[in-house]
Amino acid sequence: MTISIHDGVIVGYTVNFLENELLVHIETMADEIVTVTFENYLAHDFDHVMAGSILFDIDEMDLNTFFVENREQFESHKLYAWPIGYEDTNELEQYLQKNNYKCYVISASLGLSGYVFAKTQKTKRN
């Protein structure tokens, strides 16, 4: 049976830098708790973090498209070597592609939204 996170409420999230994982815990409309695990995690950027955040979806976005839409943001991040050290955004984009990172975009009906750079993502029931 497919797990639907649409309209699920984010219960919390954790990052384990030793395991390179970001976990998002969600209470679904079916009243079950599921965990979305981003494996081989590199970095994330979340906005509007708040209790009661309601998910719309988590989608993988093509890196080229993502960088076209967010290039200016990463130009300012390079001064802080985030998410890695790079001279220009093309170098960062090439690094992510070469190392098989994906961009997962989290969209919300209410609250938490943003993106995660990781190699894989899986959802499982707890």
PDB file of N, CA and C in Angstrom:
ATOM      1  N   MET A   1       0.834  -1.169   0.000  1.00  0.00           N
ATOM      2  CA  MET A   1       0.000   0.000   0.000  1.00  0.00           C
ATOM      3  C   MET A   1       0.889   1.246   0.000  1.00  0.00           C
ATOM      4  N   THR A   2       0.571   2.202  -0.816  1.00  0.00           N
ATOM      5  CA  THR A   2       1.332   3.429  -0.934  1.00  0.00           C
ATOM      6  C   THR A   2       1.129   4.307   0.301  1.00  0.00           C
ATOM      7  N   ILE A   3       2.195   4.937   0.733  1.00  0.00           N
ATOM      8  CA  ILE A   3       2.124   5.849   1.869  1.00  0.00           C
ATOM      9  C   ILE A   3       1.910   7.257   1.331  1.00  0.00           C
ATOM     10  N   SER A   4       0.840   7.903   1.763  1.00  0.00           N
ATOM     11  CA  SER A   4       0.563   9.276   1.348  1.00  0.00           C
ATOM     12  C   SER A   4       0.940  10.237   2.463  1.00  0.00           C
ATOM     13  N   ILE A   5       1.810  11.197   2.135  1.00  0.00           N
ATOM     14  CA  ILE A   5       2.181  12.211   3.111  1.00  0.00           C
ATOM     15  C   ILE A   5       1.434  13.518   2.864  1.00  0.00           C
ATOM     16  N   HIS A   6       0.671  13.579   1.787  1.00  0.00           N
ATOM     17  CA  HIS A   6      -0.092  14.784   1.453  1.00  0.00           C
ATOM     18  C   HIS A   6      -1.042  15.118   2.602  1.00  0.00           C
ATOM     19  N   ASP A   7      -1.002  16.358   3.044  1.00  0.00           N
ATOM     20  CA  ASP A   7      -1.787  16.857   4.177  1.00  0.00           C
ATOM     21  C   ASP A   7      -1.380  16.248   5.514  1.00  0.00           C
ATOM     22  N   GLY A   8      -0.231  15.576   5.543  1.00  0.00           N
ATOM     23  CA  GLY A   8       0.297  15.079   6.804  1.00  0.00           C
ATOM     24  C   GLY A   8       0.875  16.221   7.617  1.00  0.00           C
ATOM     25  N   VAL A   9       0.898  16.048   8.925  1.00  0.00           N
ATOM     26  CA  VAL A   9       1.429  17.061   9.836  1.00  0.00           C
ATOM     27  C   VAL A   9       2.844  16.648  10.244  1.00  0.00           C
ATOM     28  N   ILE A  10       3.776  17.575  10.114  1.00  0.00           N
ATOM     29  CA  ILE A  10       5.152  17.295  10.507  1.00  0.00           C
ATOM     30  C   ILE A  10       5.225  17.280  12.030  1.00  0.00           C
ATOM     31  N   VAL A  11       5.658  16.144  12.556  1.00  0.00           N
ATOM     32  CA  VAL A  11       5.790  15.966  13.990  1.00  0.00           C
ATOM     33  C   VAL A  11       7.148  16.504  14.448  1.00  0.00           C
ATOM     34  N   GLY A  12       8.138  16.363  13.596  1.00  0.00           N
ATOM     35  CA  GLY A  12       9.477  16.845  13.911  1.00  0.00           C
ATOM     36  C   GLY A  12      10.469  16.368  12.879  1.00  0.00           C
ATOM     37  N   TYR A  13      11.691  16.860  12.996  1.00  0.00           N
ATOM     38  CA  TYR A  13      12.752  16.357  12.137  1.00  0.00           C
ATOM     39  C   TYR A  13      14.060  16.352  12.904  1.00  0.00           C
ATOM     40  N   THR A  14      14.961  15.469  12.483  1.00  0.00           N
ATOM     41  CA  THR A  14      16.269  15.359  13.117  1.00  0.00           C
ATOM     42  C   THR A  14      17.330  15.204  12.036  1.00  0.00           C
ATOM     43  N   VAL A  15      18.524  15.680  12.372  1.00  0.00           N
ATOM     44  CA  VAL A  15      19.674  15.521  11.493  1.00  0.00           C
ATOM     45  C   VAL A  15      20.743  14.776  12.270  1.00  0.00           C
ATOM     46  N   ASN A  16      21.294  13.741  11.653  1.00  0.00           N
ATOM     47  CA  ASN A  16      22.404  13.007  12.239  1.00  0.00           C
ATOM     48  C   ASN A  16      23.597  13.197  11.307  1.00  0.00           C
ATOM     49  N   PHE A  17      24.525  14.063  11.695  1.00  0.00           N
ATOM     50  CA  PHE A  17      25.677  14.359  10.849  1.00  0.00           C
ATOM     51  C   PHE A  17      26.652  13.183  10.783  1.00  0.00           C
ATOM     52  N   LEU A  18      26.697  12.351  11.813  1.00  0.00           N
ATOM     53  CA  LEU A  18      27.571  11.180  11.775  1.00  0.00           C
ATOM     54  C   LEU A  18      27.075  10.146  10.773  1.00  0.00           C
ATOM     55  N   GLU A  19      25.756  10.000  10.673  1.00  0.00           N
ATOM     56  CA  GLU A  19      25.161   9.031   9.749  1.00  0.00           C
ATOM     57  C   GLU A  19      24.789   9.663   8.405  1.00  0.00           C
ATOM     58  N   ASN A  20      24.954  10.984   8.291  1.00  0.00           N
ATOM     59  CA  ASN A  20      24.573  11.714   7.072  1.00  0.00           C
ATOM     60  C   ASN A  20      23.115  11.455   6.702  1.00  0.00           C
ATOM     61  N   GLU A  21      22.240  11.649   7.685  1.00  0.00           N
ATOM     62  CA  GLU A  21      20.806  11.439   7.481  1.00  0.00           C
ATOM     63  C   GLU A  21      20.009  12.610   8.024  1.00  0.00           C
ATOM     64  N   LEU A  22      18.936  12.915   7.330  1.00  0.00           N
ATOM     65  CA  LEU A  22      17.923  13.840   7.833  1.00  0.00           C
ATOM     66  C   LEU A  22      16.617  13.062   7.832  1.00  0.00           C
ATOM     67  N   LEU A  23      15.931  13.044   8.963  1.00  0.00           N
ATOM     68  CA  LEU A  23      14.670  12.319   9.088  1.00  0.00           C
ATOM     69  C   LEU A  23      13.551  13.307   9.369  1.00  0.00           C
ATOM     70  N   VAL A  24      12.449  13.169   8.639  1.00  0.00           N
ATOM     71  CA  VAL A  24      11.256  13.980   8.862  1.00  0.00           C
ATOM     72  C   VAL A  24      10.147  13.034   9.297  1.00  0.00           C
ATOM     73  N   HIS A  25       9.585  13.280  10.480  1.00  0.00           N
ATOM     74  CA  HIS A  25       8.530  12.432  11.031  1.00  0.00           C
ATOM     75  C   HIS A  25       7.188  13.115  10.772  1.00  0.00           C
ATOM     76  N   ILE A  26       6.250  12.342  10.214  1.00  0.00           N
ATOM     77  CA  ILE A  26       4.980  12.892   9.745  1.00  0.00           C
ATOM     78  C   ILE A  26       3.824  12.051  10.263  1.00  0.00           C
ATOM     79  N   GLU A  27       2.780  12.723  10.757  1.00  0.00           N
ATOM     80  CA  GLU A  27       1.528  12.037  11.077  1.00  0.00           C
ATOM     81  C   GLU A  27       0.622  12.189   9.864  1.00  0.00           C
ATOM     82  N   THR A  28       0.277  11.077   9.242  1.00  0.00           N
ATOM     83  CA  THR A  28      -0.503  11.095   8.007  1.00  0.00           C
ATOM     84  C   THR A  28      -1.995  11.290   8.294  1.00  0.00           C
ATOM     85  N   MET A  29      -2.748  11.488   7.236  1.00  0.00           N
ATOM     86  CA  MET A  29      -4.200  11.606   7.351  1.00  0.00           C
ATOM     87  C   MET A  29      -4.821  10.305   7.852  1.00  0.00           C
ATOM     88  N   ALA A  30      -4.097   9.186   7.703  1.00  0.00           N
ATOM     89  CA  ALA A  30      -4.562   7.884   8.186  1.00  0.00           C
ATOM     90  C   ALA A  30      -4.151   7.651   9.644  1.00  0.00           C
ATOM     91  N   ASP A  31      -3.692   8.711  10.324  1.00  0.00           N
ATOM     92  CA  ASP A  31      -3.290   8.649  11.735  1.00  0.00           C
ATOM     93  C   ASP A  31      -2.165   7.656  12.002  1.00  0.00           C
ATOM     94  N   GLU A  32      -1.248   7.532  11.055  1.00  0.00           N
ATOM     95  CA  GLU A  32      -0.065   6.725  11.313  1.00  0.00           C
ATOM     96  C   GLU A  32       1.160   7.629  11.212  1.00  0.00           C
ATOM     97  N   ILE A  33       2.200   7.274  11.947  1.00  0.00           N
ATOM     98  CA  ILE A  33       3.449   8.035  11.906  1.00  0.00           C
ATOM     99  C   ILE A  33       4.366   7.371  10.887  1.00  0.00           C
ATOM    100  N   VAL A  34       4.867   8.171   9.957  1.00  0.00           N
ATOM    101  CA  VAL A  34       5.818   7.690   8.969  1.00  0.00           C
ATOM    102  C   VAL A  34       7.073   8.564   9.056  1.00  0.00           C
ATOM    103  N   THR A  35       8.159   8.013   8.572  1.00  0.00           N
ATOM    104  CA  THR A  35       9.423   8.755   8.552  1.00  0.00           C
ATOM    105  C   THR A  35       9.946   8.813   7.126  1.00  0.00           C
ATOM    106  N   VAL A  36      10.241  10.021   6.693  1.00  0.00           N
ATOM    107  CA  VAL A  36      10.912  10.228   5.417  1.00  0.00           C
ATOM    108  C   VAL A  36      12.386  10.395   5.757  1.00  0.00           C
ATOM    109  N   THR A  37      13.218   9.512   5.207  1.00  0.00           N
ATOM    110  CA  THR A  37      14.646   9.529   5.487  1.00  0.00           C
ATOM    111  C   THR A  37      15.397   9.978   4.241  1.00  0.00           C
ATOM    112  N   PHE A  38      16.211  11.011   4.400  1.00  0.00           N
ATOM    113  CA  PHE A  38      17.090  11.471   3.337  1.00  0.00           C
ATOM    114  C   PHE A  38      18.471  10.911   3.655  1.00  0.00           C
ATOM    115  N   GLU A  39      18.919   9.957   2.846  1.00  0.00           N
ATOM    116  CA  GLU A  39      20.182   9.268   3.086  1.00  0.00           C
ATOM    117  C   GLU A  39      21.304   9.928   2.292  1.00  0.00           C
ATOM    118  N   ASN A  40      22.528   9.783   2.796  1.00  0.00           N
ATOM    119  CA  ASN A  40      23.683  10.465   2.206  1.00  0.00           C
ATOM    120  C   ASN A  40      23.370  11.945   2.079  1.00  0.00           C
ATOM    121  N   TYR A  41      22.880  12.474   3.169  1.00  0.00           N
ATOM    122  CA  TYR A  41      22.456  13.864   3.305  1.00  0.00           C
ATOM    123  C   TYR A  41      23.661  14.783   3.256  1.00  0.00           C
ATOM    124  N   LEU A  42      23.518  15.906   2.544  1.00  0.00           N
ATOM    125  CA  LEU A  42      24.565  16.921   2.496  1.00  0.00           C
ATOM    126  C   LEU A  42      24.155  18.183   3.245  1.00  0.00           C
ATOM    127  N   ALA A  43      22.964  18.704   2.947  1.00  0.00           N
ATOM    128  CA  ALA A  43      22.528  19.958   3.560  1.00  0.00           C
ATOM    129  C   ALA A  43      21.032  20.145   3.324  1.00  0.00           C
ATOM    130  N   HIS A  44      20.452  21.052   4.113  1.00  0.00           N
ATOM    131  CA  HIS A  44      19.050  21.408   3.903  1.00  0.00           C
ATOM    132  C   HIS A  44      18.864  22.886   4.213  1.00  0.00           C
ATOM    133  N   ASP A  45      17.769  23.426   3.713  1.00  0.00           N
ATOM    134  CA  ASP A  45      17.395  24.808   4.003  1.00  0.00           C
ATOM    135  C   ASP A  45      15.883  24.821   4.170  1.00  0.00           C
ATOM    136  N   PHE A  46      15.430  25.041   5.400  1.00  0.00           N
ATOM    137  CA  PHE A  46      13.999  25.061   5.696  1.00  0.00           C
ATOM    138  C   PHE A  46      13.577  26.469   6.099  1.00  0.00           C
ATOM    139  N   ASP A  47      12.405  26.870   5.652  1.00  0.00           N
ATOM    140  CA  ASP A  47      11.778  28.129   6.033  1.00  0.00           C
ATOM    141  C   ASP A  47      10.483  27.829   6.773  1.00  0.00           C
ATOM    142  N   HIS A  48      10.023  28.789   7.540  1.00  0.00           N
ATOM    143  CA  HIS A  48       8.717  28.734   8.193  1.00  0.00           C
ATOM    144  C   HIS A  48       8.550  27.493   9.067  1.00  0.00           C
ATOM    145  N   VAL A  49       9.620  27.146   9.783  1.00  0.00           N
ATOM    146  CA  VAL A  49       9.586  25.982  10.672  1.00  0.00           C
ATOM    147  C   VAL A  49       8.675  26.308  11.847  1.00  0.00           C
ATOM    148  N   MET A  50       7.630  25.492  12.020  1.00  0.00           N
ATOM    149  CA  MET A  50       6.683  25.720  13.109  1.00  0.00           C
ATOM    150  C   MET A  50       5.916  24.434  13.412  1.00  0.00           C
ATOM    151  N   ALA A  51       5.433  24.337  14.629  1.00  0.00           N
ATOM    152  CA  ALA A  51       4.574  23.217  15.000  1.00  0.00           C
ATOM    153  C   ALA A  51       3.296  23.286  14.165  1.00  0.00           C
ATOM    154  N   GLY A  52       2.785  22.135  13.808  1.00  0.00           N
ATOM    155  CA  GLY A  52       1.546  22.088  13.038  1.00  0.00           C
ATOM    156  C   GLY A  52       1.730  22.280  11.543  1.00  0.00           C
ATOM    157  N   SER A  53       2.979  22.227  11.067  1.00  0.00           N
ATOM    158  CA  SER A  53       3.219  22.366   9.626  1.00  0.00           C
ATOM    159  C   SER A  53       2.527  21.246   8.870  1.00  0.00           C
ATOM    160  N   ILE A  54       1.829  21.617   7.795  1.00  0.00           N
ATOM    161  CA  ILE A  54       1.081  20.648   6.987  1.00  0.00           C
ATOM    162  C   ILE A  54       1.754  20.514   5.633  1.00  0.00           C
ATOM    163  N   LEU A  55       2.145  19.288   5.310  1.00  0.00           N
ATOM    164  CA  LEU A  55       2.836  19.018   4.049  1.00  0.00           C
ATOM    165  C   LEU A  55       1.894  19.054   2.858  1.00  0.00           C
ATOM    166  N   PHE A  56       2.411  19.557   1.768  1.00  0.00           N
ATOM    167  CA  PHE A  56       1.742  19.365   0.488  1.00  0.00           C
ATOM    168  C   PHE A  56       2.393  18.171  -0.193  1.00  0.00           C
ATOM    169  N   ASP A  57       3.740  18.217  -0.354  1.00  0.00           N
ATOM    170  CA  ASP A  57       4.438  17.103  -0.989  1.00  0.00           C
ATOM    171  C   ASP A  57       5.946  17.265  -0.851  1.00  0.00           C
ATOM    172  N   ILE A  58       6.666  16.202  -1.175  1.00  0.00           N
ATOM    173  CA  ILE A  58       8.118  16.217  -1.315  1.00  0.00           C
ATOM    174  C   ILE A  58       8.409  15.702  -2.710  1.00  0.00           C
ATOM    175  N   ASP A  59       9.026  16.548  -3.521  1.00  0.00           N
ATOM    176  CA  ASP A  59       9.311  16.198  -4.916  1.00  0.00           C
ATOM    177  C   ASP A  59      10.785  16.342  -5.208  1.00  0.00           C
ATOM    178  N   GLU A  60      11.289  15.451  -6.041  1.00  0.00           N
ATOM    179  CA  GLU A  60      12.653  15.602  -6.537  1.00  0.00           C
ATOM    180  C   GLU A  60      12.631  16.628  -7.665  1.00  0.00           C
ATOM    181  N   MET A  61      13.550  17.590  -7.598  1.00  0.00           N
ATOM    182  CA  MET A  61      13.632  18.618  -8.634  1.00  0.00           C
ATOM    183  C   MET A  61      14.954  18.463  -9.366  1.00  0.00           C
ATOM    184  N   ASP A  62      14.912  18.588 -10.664  1.00  0.00           N
ATOM    185  CA  ASP A  62      16.106  18.556 -11.494  1.00  0.00           C
ATOM    186  C   ASP A  62      17.075  19.639 -11.009  1.00  0.00           C
ATOM    187  N   LEU A  63      18.343  19.268 -10.824  1.00  0.00           N
ATOM    188  CA  LEU A  63      19.326  20.223 -10.308  1.00  0.00           C
ATOM    189  C   LEU A  63      19.485  21.441 -11.213  1.00  0.00           C
ATOM    190  N   ASN A  64      19.473  21.237 -12.524  1.00  0.00           N
ATOM    191  CA  ASN A  64      19.602  22.378 -13.444  1.00  0.00           C
ATOM    192  C   ASN A  64      18.475  23.369 -13.231  1.00  0.00           C
ATOM    193  N   THR A  65      17.263  22.870 -13.154  1.00  0.00           N
ATOM    194  CA  THR A  65      16.100  23.725 -12.933  1.00  0.00           C
ATOM    195  C   THR A  65      16.199  24.426 -11.589  1.00  0.00           C
ATOM    196  N   PHE A  66      16.597  23.674 -10.563  1.00  0.00           N
ATOM    197  CA  PHE A  66      16.723  24.243  -9.226  1.00  0.00           C
ATOM    198  C   PHE A  66      17.714  25.404  -9.222  1.00  0.00           C
ATOM    199  N   PHE A  67      18.855  25.229  -9.877  1.00  0.00           N
ATOM    200  CA  PHE A  67      19.865  26.285  -9.864  1.00  0.00           C
ATOM    201  C   PHE A  67      19.477  27.480 -10.720  1.00  0.00           C
ATOM    202  N   VAL A  68      18.716  27.263 -11.770  1.00  0.00           N
ATOM    203  CA  VAL A  68      18.217  28.400 -12.544  1.00  0.00           C
ATOM    204  C   VAL A  68      17.338  29.274 -11.652  1.00  0.00           C
ATOM    205  N   GLU A  69      16.494  28.642 -10.840  1.00  0.00           N
ATOM    206  CA  GLU A  69      15.559  29.366  -9.984  1.00  0.00           C
ATOM    207  C   GLU A  69      16.201  29.929  -8.714  1.00  0.00           C
ATOM    208  N   ASN A  70      17.357  29.384  -8.289  1.00  0.00           N
ATOM    209  CA  ASN A  70      17.936  29.750  -6.996  1.00  0.00           C
ATOM    210  C   ASN A  70      19.388  30.223  -7.065  1.00  0.00           C
ATOM    211  N   ARG A  71      19.870  30.531  -8.242  1.00  0.00           N
ATOM    212  CA  ARG A  71      21.275  30.899  -8.428  1.00  0.00           C
ATOM    213  C   ARG A  71      21.693  32.071  -7.525  1.00  0.00           C
ATOM    214  N   GLU A  72      20.854  33.071  -7.436  1.00  0.00           N
ATOM    215  CA  GLU A  72      21.183  34.257  -6.642  1.00  0.00           C
ATOM    216  C   GLU A  72      21.396  33.897  -5.170  1.00  0.00           C
ATOM    217  N   GLN A  73      20.554  33.022  -4.646  1.00  0.00           N
ATOM    218  CA  GLN A  73      20.685  32.581  -3.257  1.00  0.00           C
ATOM    219  C   GLN A  73      22.050  31.922  -3.034  1.00  0.00           C
ATOM    220  N   PHE A  74      22.484  31.086  -3.972  1.00  0.00           N
ATOM    221  CA  PHE A  74      23.747  30.373  -3.794  1.00  0.00           C
ATOM    222  C   PHE A  74      24.953  31.277  -4.031  1.00  0.00           C
ATOM    223  N   GLU A  75      24.779  32.335  -4.789  1.00  0.00           N
ATOM    224  CA  GLU A  75      25.854  33.321  -4.921  1.00  0.00           C
ATOM    225  C   GLU A  75      26.165  33.925  -3.551  1.00  0.00           C
ATOM    226  N   SER A  76      25.147  34.207  -2.753  1.00  0.00           N
ATOM    227  CA  SER A  76      25.382  34.770  -1.420  1.00  0.00           C
ATOM    228  C   SER A  76      25.883  33.706  -0.441  1.00  0.00           C
ATOM    229  N   HIS A  77      25.503  32.451  -0.625  1.00  0.00           N
ATOM    230  CA  HIS A  77      25.938  31.374   0.280  1.00  0.00           C
ATOM    231  C   HIS A  77      27.414  31.032   0.110  1.00  0.00           C
ATOM    232  N   LYS A  78      27.979  31.292  -1.065  1.00  0.00           N
ATOM    233  CA  LYS A  78      29.368  30.874  -1.295  1.00  0.00           C
ATOM    234  C   LYS A  78      30.343  31.578  -0.348  1.00  0.00           C
ATOM    235  N   LEU A  79      29.990  32.758   0.144  1.00  0.00           N
ATOM    236  CA  LEU A  79      30.845  33.455   1.101  1.00  0.00           C
ATOM    237  C   LEU A  79      30.985  32.681   2.405  1.00  0.00           C
ATOM    238  N   TYR A  80      30.018  31.801   2.681  1.00  0.00           N
ATOM    239  CA  TYR A  80      30.002  31.024   3.918  1.00  0.00           C
ATOM    240  C   TYR A  80      30.327  29.544   3.683  1.00  0.00           C
ATOM    241  N   ALA A  81      30.777  29.223   2.448  1.00  0.00           N
ATOM    242  CA  ALA A  81      31.128  27.839   2.091  1.00  0.00           C
ATOM    243  C   ALA A  81      29.973  26.883   2.393  1.00  0.00           C
ATOM    244  N   TRP A  82      28.760  27.326   2.016  1.00  0.00           N
ATOM    245  CA  TRP A  82      27.576  26.493   2.262  1.00  0.00           C
ATOM    246  C   TRP A  82      26.925  26.115   0.952  1.00  0.00           C
ATOM    247  N   PRO A  83      26.618  24.868   0.714  1.00  0.00           N
ATOM    248  CA  PRO A  83      26.789  23.705   1.596  1.00  0.00           C
ATOM    249  C   PRO A  83      28.191  23.108   1.552  1.00  0.00           C
ATOM    250  N   ILE A  84      29.014  23.544   0.593  1.00  0.00           N
ATOM    251  CA  ILE A  84      30.432  23.175   0.512  1.00  0.00           C
ATOM    252  C   ILE A  84      31.162  24.433   0.048  1.00  0.00           C
ATOM    253  N   GLY A  85      32.475  24.405   0.062  1.00  0.00           N
ATOM    254  CA  GLY A  85      33.222  25.522  -0.496  1.00  0.00           C
ATOM    255  C   GLY A  85      33.175  25.484  -2.020  1.00  0.00           C
ATOM    256  N   TYR A  86      32.901  26.619  -2.653  1.00  0.00           N
ATOM    257  CA  TYR A  86      32.864  26.699  -4.118  1.00  0.00           C
ATOM    258  C   TYR A  86      33.130  28.131  -4.553  1.00  0.00           C
ATOM    259  N   GLU A  87      33.676  28.269  -5.763  1.00  0.00           N
ATOM    260  CA  GLU A  87      33.991  29.589  -6.310  1.00  0.00           C
ATOM    261  C   GLU A  87      32.797  30.225  -7.009  1.00  0.00           C
ATOM    262  N   ASP A  88      32.019  29.396  -7.699  1.00  0.00           N
ATOM    263  CA  ASP A  88      30.811  29.902  -8.359  1.00  0.00           C
ATOM    264  C   ASP A  88      29.743  28.815  -8.354  1.00  0.00           C
ATOM    265  N   THR A  89      28.516  29.196  -8.624  1.00  0.00           N
ATOM    266  CA  THR A  89      27.402  28.251  -8.511  1.00  0.00           C
ATOM    267  C   THR A  89      27.506  27.111  -9.516  1.00  0.00           C
ATOM    268  N   ASN A  90      28.144  27.349 -10.653  1.00  0.00           N
ATOM    269  CA  ASN A  90      28.337  26.251 -11.614  1.00  0.00           C
ATOM    270  C   ASN A  90      29.196  25.148 -11.003  1.00  0.00           C
ATOM    271  N   GLU A  91      30.213  25.529 -10.248  1.00  0.00           N
ATOM    272  CA  GLU A  91      31.065  24.546  -9.582  1.00  0.00           C
ATOM    273  C   GLU A  91      30.261  23.729  -8.576  1.00  0.00           C
ATOM    274  N   LEU A  92      29.411  24.386  -7.802  1.00  0.00           N
ATOM    275  CA  LEU A  92      28.566  23.680  -6.843  1.00  0.00           C
ATOM    276  C   LEU A  92      27.611  22.726  -7.560  1.00  0.00           C
ATOM    277  N   GLU A  93      26.961  23.204  -8.587  1.00  0.00           N
ATOM    278  CA  GLU A  93      26.030  22.366  -9.340  1.00  0.00           C
ATOM    279  C   GLU A  93      26.740  21.141  -9.921  1.00  0.00           C
ATOM    280  N   GLN A  94      27.921  21.344 -10.483  1.00  0.00           N
ATOM    281  CA  GLN A  94      28.687  20.221 -11.046  1.00  0.00           C
ATOM    282  C   GLN A  94      29.091  19.223  -9.961  1.00  0.00           C
ATOM    283  N   TYR A  95      29.480  19.718  -8.787  1.00  0.00           N
ATOM    284  CA  TYR A  95      29.826  18.837  -7.676  1.00  0.00           C
ATOM    285  C   TYR A  95      28.632  17.958  -7.293  1.00  0.00           C
ATOM    286  N   LEU A  96      27.466  18.576  -7.161  1.00  0.00           N
ATOM    287  CA  LEU A  96      26.267  17.826  -6.786  1.00  0.00           C
ATOM    288  C   LEU A  96      25.939  16.771  -7.835  1.00  0.00           C
ATOM    289  N   GLN A  97      26.012  17.132  -9.107  1.00  0.00           N
ATOM    290  CA  GLN A  97      25.712  16.178 -10.174  1.00  0.00           C
ATOM    291  C   GLN A  97      26.730  15.047 -10.218  1.00  0.00           C
ATOM    292  N   LYS A  98      28.004  15.399 -10.162  1.00  0.00           N
ATOM    293  CA  LYS A  98      29.085  14.403 -10.227  1.00  0.00           C
ATOM    294  C   LYS A  98      28.984  13.396  -9.086  1.00  0.00           C
ATOM    295  N   ASN A  99      28.552  13.864  -7.913  1.00  0.00           N
ATOM    296  CA  ASN A  99      28.473  13.008  -6.733  1.00  0.00           C
ATOM    297  C   ASN A  99      27.078  12.438  -6.490  1.00  0.00           C
ATOM    298  N   ASN A 100      26.224  12.537  -7.505  1.00  0.00           N
ATOM    299  CA  ASN A 100      24.898  11.912  -7.498  1.00  0.00           C
ATOM    300  C   ASN A 100      23.961  12.429  -6.416  1.00  0.00           C
ATOM    301  N   TYR A 101      24.093  13.706  -6.054  1.00  0.00           N
ATOM    302  CA  TYR A 101      23.138  14.299  -5.127  1.00  0.00           C
ATOM    303  C   TYR A 101      21.883  14.694  -5.888  1.00  0.00           C
ATOM    304  N   LYS A 102      20.781  14.668  -5.176  1.00  0.00           N
ATOM    305  CA  LYS A 102      19.494  15.094  -5.713  1.00  0.00           C
ATOM    306  C   LYS A 102      18.974  16.234  -4.859  1.00  0.00           C
ATOM    307  N   CYS A 103      18.058  16.986  -5.424  1.00  0.00           N
ATOM    308  CA  CYS A 103      17.424  18.073  -4.688  1.00  0.00           C
ATOM    309  C   CYS A 103      15.969  17.679  -4.451  1.00  0.00           C
ATOM    310  N   TYR A 104      15.597  17.565  -3.187  1.00  0.00           N
ATOM    311  CA  TYR A 104      14.232  17.242  -2.808  1.00  0.00           C
ATOM    312  C   TYR A 104      13.580  18.505  -2.259  1.00  0.00           C
ATOM    313  N   VAL A 105      12.505  18.920  -2.903  1.00  0.00           N
ATOM    314  CA  VAL A 105      11.812  20.145  -2.515  1.00  0.00           C
ATOM    315  C   VAL A 105      10.607  19.780  -1.661  1.00  0.00           C
ATOM    316  N   ILE A 106      10.538  20.371  -0.487  1.00  0.00           N
ATOM    317  CA  ILE A 106       9.425  20.147   0.436  1.00  0.00           C
ATOM    318  C   ILE A 106       8.492  21.346   0.315  1.00  0.00           C
ATOM    319  N   SER A 107       7.271  21.076  -0.095  1.00  0.00           N
ATOM    320  CA  SER A 107       6.279  22.154  -0.187  1.00  0.00           C
ATOM    321  C   SER A 107       5.205  21.911   0.861  1.00  0.00           C
ATOM    322  N   ALA A 108       4.663  23.005   1.358  1.00  0.00           N
ATOM    323  CA  ALA A 108       3.721  22.914   2.466  1.00  0.00           C
ATOM    324  C   ALA A 108       2.429  23.640   2.140  1.00  0.00           C
ATOM    325  N   SER A 109       1.363  23.148   2.709  1.00  0.00           N
ATOM    326  CA  SER A 109       0.105  23.885   2.712  1.00  0.00           C
ATOM    327  C   SER A 109       0.157  24.942   3.804  1.00  0.00           C
ATOM    328  N   LEU A 110       0.930  24.640   4.857  1.00  0.00           N
ATOM    329  CA  LEU A 110       1.094  25.549   5.990  1.00  0.00           C
ATOM    330  C   LEU A 110       2.420  25.235   6.664  1.00  0.00           C
ATOM    331  N   GLY A 111       3.252  26.241   6.849  1.00  0.00           N
ATOM    332  CA  GLY A 111       4.469  26.050   7.633  1.00  0.00           C
ATOM    333  C   GLY A 111       5.676  25.612   6.841  1.00  0.00           C
ATOM    334  N   LEU A 112       6.407  24.645   7.394  1.00  0.00           N
ATOM    335  CA  LEU A 112       7.718  24.242   6.931  1.00  0.00           C
ATOM    336  C   LEU A 112       7.776  23.950   5.440  1.00  0.00           C
ATOM    337  N   SER A 113       8.719  24.595   4.780  1.00  0.00           N
ATOM    338  CA  SER A 113       8.999  24.323   3.369  1.00  0.00           C
ATOM    339  C   SER A 113      10.494  24.493   3.169  1.00  0.00           C
ATOM    340  N   GLY A 114      10.996  24.019   2.039  1.00  0.00           N
ATOM    341  CA  GLY A 114      12.413  24.163   1.759  1.00  0.00           C
ATOM    342  C   GLY A 114      12.917  23.061   0.858  1.00  0.00           C
ATOM    343  N   TYR A 115      14.196  22.731   1.020  1.00  0.00           N
ATOM    344  CA  TYR A 115      14.791  21.702   0.179  1.00  0.00           C
ATOM    345  C   TYR A 115      15.890  20.971   0.929  1.00  0.00           C
ATOM    346  N   VAL A 116      16.206  19.775   0.403  1.00  0.00           N
ATOM    347  CA  VAL A 116      17.241  18.921   0.975  1.00  0.00           C
ATOM    348  C   VAL A 116      18.122  18.436  -0.160  1.00  0.00           C
ATOM    349  N   PHE A 117      19.448  18.488   0.032  1.00  0.00           N
ATOM    350  CA  PHE A 117      20.381  17.836  -0.880  1.00  0.00           C
ATOM    351  C   PHE A 117      20.772  16.515  -0.241  1.00  0.00           C
ATOM    352  N   ALA A 118      20.440  15.423  -0.906  1.00  0.00           N
ATOM    353  CA  ALA A 118      20.766  14.079  -0.436  1.00  0.00           C
ATOM    354  C   ALA A 118      20.821  13.166  -1.652  1.00  0.00           C
ATOM    355  N   LYS A 119      21.359  11.975  -1.467  1.00  0.00           N
ATOM    356  CA  LYS A 119      21.460  11.044  -2.598  1.00  0.00           C
ATOM    357  C   LYS A 119      20.196  10.214  -2.779  1.00  0.00           C
ATOM    358  N   THR A 120      19.535   9.877  -1.675  1.00  0.00           N
ATOM    359  CA  THR A 120      18.301   9.097  -1.783  1.00  0.00           C
ATOM    360  C   THR A 120      17.309   9.540  -0.720  1.00  0.00           C
ATOM    361  N   GLN A 121      16.056   9.169  -0.972  1.00  0.00           N
ATOM    362  CA  GLN A 121      14.976   9.460  -0.042  1.00  0.00           C
ATOM    363  C   GLN A 121      14.057   8.258   0.001  1.00  0.00           C
ATOM    364  N   LYS A 122      13.644   7.878   1.197  1.00  0.00           N
ATOM    365  CA  LYS A 122      12.686   6.769   1.328  1.00  0.00           C
ATOM    366  C   LYS A 122      11.693   7.107   2.425  1.00  0.00           C
ATOM    367  N   THR A 123      10.517   6.524   2.303  1.00  0.00           N
ATOM    368  CA  THR A 123       9.445   6.735   3.290  1.00  0.00           C
ATOM    369  C   THR A 123       9.059   5.375   3.851  1.00  0.00           C
ATOM    370  N   LYS A 124       8.942   5.304   5.185  1.00  0.00           N
ATOM    371  CA  LYS A 124       8.524   4.040   5.803  1.00  0.00           C
ATOM    372  C   LYS A 124       7.618   4.306   6.981  1.00  0.00           C
ATOM    373  N   ARG A 125       6.761   3.347   7.230  1.00  0.00           N
ATOM    374  CA  ARG A 125       5.904   3.393   8.411  1.00  0.00           C
ATOM    375  C   ARG A 125       6.732   3.053   9.640  1.00  0.00           C
ATOM    376  N   ASN A 126       6.415   3.696  10.759  1.00  0.00           N
ATOM    377  CA  ASN A 126       7.140   3.396  12.003  1.00  0.00           C
ATOM    378  C   ASN A 126       6.488   2.262  12.759  1.00  0.00           C
TER     379      ASN A 126
END
